[in-house]
Amino acid sequence: MSGAVVLLVGLGVGVALAQRYGGGGGRMGGGRGRRPPPASVAEDRRGVPDWKVDPRFKTDVFTFARIQYDSMGGRGGWGGGGRWAIDYPDSDLNFSYRLQQLTSLKVNPEPVVLRLTDDKLFDYPFIYIIEPGALVFSEDEVVALRKYLLNGGFLMVDDFWGDYEYENFRREIKRVFPDREPQELPLEHEIFRCVYRLKEKPQVPSIEAALYGRGSGITWEEGHGGNTRDVHYRALFDDQERMMAIICHNTDLGDGWEREGEDPWYFKEFAEKKSYPMGINIITYAMTH
C-alpha cells in the first residue's frame, strides 16, 4: 500500500487558522450539497488555495480519499446522489488544505472519490466514509473492505447520530469482521493527544444545529432517534492491536471542515477547537501506526 508515512508536526492551530479566516464572515468552503458537482475538483476549488506537488514525489503524498457507496437512506448529496456526497467536496478540500498548512505532511491538493471495489483502493492508506446511518455494503464491498483493513489500510467513519444509525453501521461492519467488536476509546488514548492534546472527546454538530443550540449550550443534533447527546469514538483493531478504523459517532467533524468560513462563532468554537485538531490527530495516528 503506497502513500506518505510522515510524522505530522502540529503548529499553532488558532493562529494559523485565524490567518486564513481573517476574523470575518468570509466563506472558504461551500454549502451542504447545494450545488451540482463540478467537472472535477481541480477545476472548482471553491476558493480553497491550490499548491504544487513536487513531480518527483507525486505518488508520495497524502491524499484524502472519500468512499462512494450506493445506499441513499433518503437524504442525498448532489441531486439526491446519496449520503456519501454530503459535505463534498468542500470538507475534503478544506481539510486537505489545513493538513498542508498546519503540518509537515506533504498533501495532495486534489482529494479523490473511489469505491471500495475500485482497483486503486490500495493506493490510499486512509479512506473516509460519511453518514453511514443507512449504509448497506454489497458482498463485494464487504470482502474488499476486510482485505483493505487487514492489509494496513485505515478507515475513518464520521457524521451519524443516534441509536438507530449506529446499530445499522454496527451491523454492517459486523459483516466485515464478524469476530470483532468496536471498542470505545478512552480520552487517555494517544489519538486524542498525539498532536493536539484534547481535554474532551470533541463533539461537533452541524452548523445549523450549533446555531440553534447556541444559547442553551447544546452541541448535539436532535431528531435522529435515541441518544445523540453522548459522543463516542470507537475503534476496530487487528490481531496485532493495530487500529484499523475509528468510528466517530454523535459528532460531525466534516461539517467543521466544510462550513468553517460561514460563521465566526462556529469557526472558533467548532472548526478551530475541535474538527481540525481531531482530524489532524486521526491522520497523525493513522500514518504513524
Protein backbone atom coordinates (compact mmCIF):
# COMPACT_ATOMS: atom_id res chain seq x y z
CA MET A 1 0.00 0.00 0.00
CA SER A 2 1.57 3.27 -1.11
CA GLY A 3 1.32 6.71 0.49
CA ALA A 4 3.40 9.04 2.59
CA VAL A 5 4.05 7.87 6.13
CA VAL A 6 5.30 11.07 7.70
CA LEU A 7 5.21 12.33 11.26
CA LEU A 8 2.93 15.34 11.42
CA VAL A 9 4.21 18.37 13.28
CA GLY A 10 1.37 20.43 14.73
CA LEU A 11 1.66 24.20 14.63
CA GLY A 12 -0.32 26.83 16.49
CA VAL A 13 -3.73 25.88 15.16
CA GLY A 14 -5.51 29.02 16.36
CA VAL A 15 -3.02 31.45 14.85
CA ALA A 16 -2.69 29.65 11.54
CA LEU A 17 -6.43 29.17 11.07
CA ALA A 18 -7.17 32.75 12.03
CA GLN A 19 -4.75 33.95 9.38
CA ARG A 20 -6.81 32.21 6.72
CA TYR A 21 -10.20 33.11 8.18
CA GLY A 22 -9.28 36.75 8.63
CA GLY A 23 -11.65 37.21 11.55
CA GLY A 24 -14.62 37.89 9.29
CA GLY A 25 -17.57 36.01 7.89
CA GLY A 26 -15.97 35.15 4.58
CA ARG A 27 -16.60 31.75 3.09
CA MET A 28 -13.80 29.34 2.43
CA GLY A 29 -15.82 26.29 1.55
CA GLY A 30 -19.25 25.75 0.09
CA GLY A 31 -22.71 24.64 1.13
CA ARG A 32 -24.09 21.29 2.15
CA GLY A 33 -24.89 19.56 -1.12
CA ARG A 34 -26.49 22.64 -2.70
CA ARG A 35 -24.50 22.83 -5.92
CA PRO A 36 -24.26 20.45 -8.87
CA PRO A 37 -20.96 18.56 -8.94
CA PRO A 38 -18.03 20.34 -10.57
CA ALA A 39 -16.45 18.74 -13.62
CA SER A 40 -13.50 17.97 -11.36
CA VAL A 41 -12.21 19.12 -8.02
CA ALA A 42 -9.18 20.61 -9.76
CA GLU A 43 -11.41 22.90 -11.86
CA ASP A 44 -13.54 24.17 -9.00
CA ARG A 45 -11.68 24.52 -5.70
CA ARG A 46 -14.42 26.61 -4.05
CA GLY A 47 -11.92 29.34 -3.26
CA VAL A 48 -9.54 26.99 -1.43
CA PRO A 49 -5.90 27.84 -2.21
CA ASP A 50 -4.06 25.49 -4.55
CA TRP A 51 -0.45 24.35 -4.26
CA LYS A 52 2.02 22.35 -6.29
CA VAL A 53 3.25 18.86 -5.56
CA ASP A 54 6.87 18.09 -6.41
CA PRO A 55 6.59 15.95 -9.57
CA ARG A 56 9.45 13.78 -8.33
CA PHE A 57 7.32 12.70 -5.37
CA LYS A 58 3.80 12.97 -6.79
CA THR A 59 2.87 9.49 -5.54
CA ASP A 60 4.46 10.03 -2.12
CA VAL A 61 1.86 12.44 -0.77
CA PHE A 62 -1.16 12.07 1.48
CA THR A 63 -4.44 12.05 -0.43
CA PHE A 64 -7.80 12.40 1.26
CA ALA A 65 -9.90 9.55 -0.16
CA ARG A 66 -13.68 9.52 0.24
CA ILE A 67 -15.68 6.35 -0.32
CA GLN A 68 -18.71 6.42 -2.60
CA TYR A 69 -21.50 3.95 -1.90
CA ASP A 70 -24.92 3.31 -3.42
CA SER A 71 -27.30 3.16 -0.45
CA MET A 72 -29.01 6.52 -0.05
CA GLY A 73 -31.13 6.38 3.07
CA GLY A 74 -33.47 9.16 1.99
CA ARG A 75 -31.01 12.04 2.19
CA GLY A 76 -28.93 12.83 -0.85
CA GLY A 77 -25.84 14.76 -1.72
CA TRP A 78 -25.69 16.26 -5.19
CA GLY A 79 -29.15 15.99 -6.69
CA GLY A 80 -30.13 13.16 -4.35
CA GLY A 81 -26.94 11.26 -5.18
CA GLY A 82 -26.56 9.64 -1.79
CA ARG A 83 -25.29 10.33 1.68
CA TRP A 84 -21.70 9.61 0.66
CA ALA A 85 -21.61 13.04 -1.03
CA ILE A 86 -22.70 15.10 1.99
CA ASP A 87 -20.19 17.93 2.63
CA TYR A 88 -18.31 17.07 -0.58
CA PRO A 89 -16.11 18.49 -1.99
CA ASP A 90 -15.78 21.41 0.43
CA SER A 91 -14.84 19.46 3.55
CA ASP A 92 -12.27 17.39 1.66
CA LEU A 93 -10.71 20.43 0.01
CA ASN A 94 -10.61 22.47 3.23
CA PHE A 95 -9.21 19.62 5.30
CA SER A 96 -6.53 18.82 2.72
CA TYR A 97 -5.51 22.48 2.71
CA ARG A 98 -5.31 22.60 6.50
CA LEU A 99 -3.18 19.45 6.60
CA GLN A 100 -0.80 21.07 4.13
CA GLN A 101 -0.84 24.37 6.05
CA LEU A 102 -0.64 23.17 9.64
CA THR A 103 1.60 20.11 9.43
CA SER A 104 4.79 18.92 7.78
CA LEU A 105 2.84 16.33 5.80
CA LYS A 106 3.00 16.68 2.03
CA VAL A 107 -0.59 16.66 0.87
CA ASN A 108 -2.27 16.19 -2.50
CA PRO A 109 -4.39 19.31 -3.17
CA GLU A 110 -6.88 17.12 -5.06
CA PRO A 111 -8.87 14.73 -2.85
CA VAL A 112 -10.32 11.67 -4.56
CA VAL A 113 -13.55 9.70 -4.56
CA LEU A 114 -13.48 5.97 -5.09
CA ARG A 115 -15.45 2.84 -4.34
CA LEU A 116 -14.36 0.04 -2.07
CA THR A 117 -14.27 -2.21 -5.12
CA ASP A 118 -12.01 0.15 -7.08
CA ASP A 119 -8.69 -1.37 -8.14
CA LYS A 120 -6.96 1.80 -6.88
CA LEU A 121 -8.21 1.40 -3.29
CA PHE A 122 -4.86 0.06 -2.08
CA ASP A 123 -3.07 3.16 -3.38
CA TYR A 124 -4.59 5.11 -0.49
CA PRO A 125 -3.69 4.26 3.13
CA PHE A 126 -6.60 6.34 4.50
CA ILE A 127 -10.27 6.29 3.50
CA TYR A 128 -13.27 8.24 4.79
CA ILE A 129 -16.92 7.17 4.98
CA ILE A 130 -19.53 9.72 5.95
CA GLU A 131 -23.16 9.33 7.11
CA PRO A 132 -23.29 5.51 7.34
CA GLY A 133 -26.59 5.52 9.21
CA ALA A 134 -28.36 3.83 6.30
CA LEU A 135 -25.32 2.32 4.61
CA VAL A 136 -25.60 -1.24 3.31
CA PHE A 137 -22.47 -2.86 1.93
CA SER A 138 -22.65 -5.16 -1.07
CA GLU A 139 -20.99 -8.55 -0.67
CA ASP A 140 -18.12 -7.38 -2.87
CA GLU A 141 -17.66 -4.29 -0.67
CA VAL A 142 -17.58 -6.43 2.47
CA VAL A 143 -14.77 -8.54 1.02
CA ALA A 144 -12.87 -5.52 -0.30
CA LEU A 145 -13.05 -3.55 2.96
CA ARG A 146 -11.93 -6.55 5.01
CA LYS A 147 -8.94 -7.12 2.73
CA TYR A 148 -8.06 -3.41 2.73
CA LEU A 149 -8.11 -3.05 6.52
CA LEU A 150 -6.26 -6.29 7.24
CA ASN A 151 -3.55 -5.25 4.79
CA GLY A 152 -2.73 -1.99 6.55
CA GLY A 153 -5.45 0.43 5.47
CA PHE A 154 -7.20 2.84 7.83
CA LEU A 155 -10.87 3.83 7.83
CA MET A 156 -12.44 6.91 9.39
CA VAL A 157 -16.24 6.90 9.80
CA ASP A 158 -17.94 10.22 10.57
CA ASP A 159 -21.25 12.07 10.91
CA PHE A 160 -24.00 9.80 12.12
CA TRP A 161 -26.24 10.23 15.13
CA GLY A 162 -28.48 8.27 17.45
CA ASP A 163 -29.04 4.62 18.30
CA TYR A 164 -30.68 3.52 15.06
CA GLU A 165 -27.94 4.87 12.81
CA TYR A 166 -25.22 3.37 14.98
CA GLU A 167 -26.90 -0.04 15.08
CA ASN A 168 -27.16 0.00 11.31
CA PHE A 169 -23.45 0.68 10.91
CA ARG A 170 -22.52 -1.80 13.65
CA ARG A 171 -24.49 -4.46 11.79
CA GLU A 172 -22.73 -3.67 8.52
CA ILE A 173 -19.21 -3.58 9.99
CA LYS A 174 -20.05 -6.88 11.71
CA ARG A 175 -20.45 -8.34 8.24
CA VAL A 176 -16.88 -7.22 7.52
CA PHE A 177 -15.50 -8.55 10.82
CA PRO A 178 -17.93 -10.99 12.44
CA ASP A 179 -15.46 -11.77 15.23
CA ARG A 180 -14.55 -8.18 16.13
CA GLU A 181 -16.46 -5.58 18.11
CA PRO A 182 -15.83 -1.80 18.06
CA GLN A 183 -14.13 -0.72 21.29
CA GLU A 184 -14.76 2.61 22.99
CA LEU A 185 -11.58 4.69 23.12
CA PRO A 186 -10.80 6.34 26.47
CA LEU A 187 -9.84 10.00 26.49
CA GLU A 188 -6.36 8.91 27.59
CA HIS A 189 -5.79 7.15 24.27
CA GLU A 190 -2.94 8.52 22.17
CA ILE A 191 -5.25 9.50 19.33
CA PHE A 192 -6.64 12.33 21.49
CA ARG A 193 -3.20 13.76 22.30
CA CYS A 194 -0.69 12.75 19.61
CA VAL A 195 -0.53 16.30 18.19
CA TYR A 196 -3.21 18.38 19.87
CA ARG A 197 -3.97 17.48 23.48
CA LEU A 198 -7.73 17.42 23.69
CA LYS A 199 -9.37 17.82 27.09
CA GLU A 200 -12.58 16.13 26.00
CA LYS A 201 -13.82 13.95 23.19
CA PRO A 202 -14.84 16.55 20.59
CA GLN A 203 -18.48 16.76 19.63
CA VAL A 204 -19.23 18.85 16.54
CA PRO A 205 -22.83 19.46 15.42
CA SER A 206 -23.84 20.68 12.00
CA ILE A 207 -23.69 24.45 11.71
CA GLU A 208 -27.49 24.64 11.74
CA ALA A 209 -27.76 22.59 14.94
CA ALA A 210 -24.93 24.57 16.53
CA LEU A 211 -26.54 27.93 15.84
CA TYR A 212 -29.93 26.66 17.02
CA GLY A 213 -28.47 25.38 20.27
CA ARG A 214 -26.03 28.21 20.87
CA GLY A 215 -27.98 29.89 23.63
CA SER A 216 -28.56 26.66 25.55
CA GLY A 217 -25.11 25.15 25.12
CA ILE A 218 -26.41 22.16 23.15
CA THR A 219 -23.65 20.67 20.98
CA TRP A 220 -25.51 17.62 19.70
CA GLU A 221 -28.06 17.09 16.96
CA GLU A 222 -31.61 16.12 17.84
CA GLY A 223 -34.23 14.33 15.78
CA HIS A 224 -32.19 11.24 14.92
CA GLY A 225 -33.79 8.92 17.47
CA GLY A 226 -32.28 7.65 20.66
CA ASN A 227 -29.27 9.11 22.45
CA THR A 228 -27.46 11.77 20.43
CA ARG A 229 -26.05 13.64 23.41
CA ASP A 230 -23.13 11.35 24.27
CA VAL A 231 -20.25 11.42 21.80
CA HIS A 232 -18.41 8.16 21.07
CA TYR A 233 -15.10 7.38 19.42
CA ARG A 234 -14.84 3.64 18.88
CA ALA A 235 -12.13 1.65 17.14
CA LEU A 236 -11.58 -1.67 15.42
CA PHE A 237 -8.25 -3.42 15.98
CA ASP A 238 -6.49 -6.24 14.16
CA ASP A 239 -4.81 -9.23 15.84
CA GLN A 240 -1.66 -7.16 16.46
CA GLU A 241 -3.72 -4.43 18.18
CA ARG A 242 -3.23 -2.02 15.28
CA MET A 243 -6.15 0.33 14.94
CA MET A 244 -7.79 -0.31 11.58
CA ALA A 245 -10.76 2.06 11.90
CA ILE A 246 -12.04 4.90 14.03
CA ILE A 247 -15.80 5.35 14.26
CA CYS A 248 -16.82 8.90 15.19
CA HIS A 249 -20.44 8.69 16.40
CA ASN A 250 -22.72 11.51 17.58
CA THR A 251 -20.41 14.07 16.03
CA ASP A 252 -19.87 15.66 12.62
CA LEU A 253 -16.21 16.58 12.22
CA GLY A 254 -16.72 17.01 8.47
CA ASP A 255 -19.14 19.91 8.94
CA GLY A 256 -16.48 21.74 10.92
CA TRP A 257 -14.20 21.37 7.92
CA GLU A 258 -16.81 22.17 5.30
CA ARG A 259 -18.53 25.11 6.97
CA GLU A 260 -15.50 26.75 8.61
CA GLY A 261 -15.90 30.04 6.74
CA GLU A 262 -19.61 30.63 7.21
CA ASP A 263 -19.93 31.92 10.76
CA PRO A 264 -17.18 33.35 13.01
CA TRP A 265 -18.59 31.78 16.16
CA TYR A 266 -18.97 28.32 14.60
CA PHE A 267 -15.46 28.57 13.22
CA LYS A 268 -13.97 29.48 16.61
CA GLU A 269 -15.94 27.05 18.75
CA PHE A 270 -16.05 24.00 16.48
CA ALA A 271 -13.80 24.15 13.40
CA GLU A 272 -10.78 25.62 15.18
CA LYS A 273 -11.10 23.94 18.58
CA LYS A 274 -12.49 20.54 17.63
CA SER A 275 -12.82 19.50 13.99
CA TYR A 276 -9.34 20.33 12.77
CA PRO A 277 -7.41 19.24 15.89
CA MET A 278 -9.23 15.90 15.99
CA GLY A 279 -8.91 15.36 12.26
CA ILE A 280 -5.19 16.09 12.35
CA ASN A 281 -4.77 13.77 15.33
CA ILE A 282 -6.54 10.98 13.45
CA ILE A 283 -4.37 11.36 10.35
CA THR A 284 -1.23 11.57 12.50
CA TYR A 285 -2.12 8.41 14.35
CA ALA A 286 -3.15 6.55 11.19
CA MET A 287 0.02 7.45 9.30
CA THR A 288 2.42 6.61 12.13
CA HIS A 289 0.98 3.37 13.49
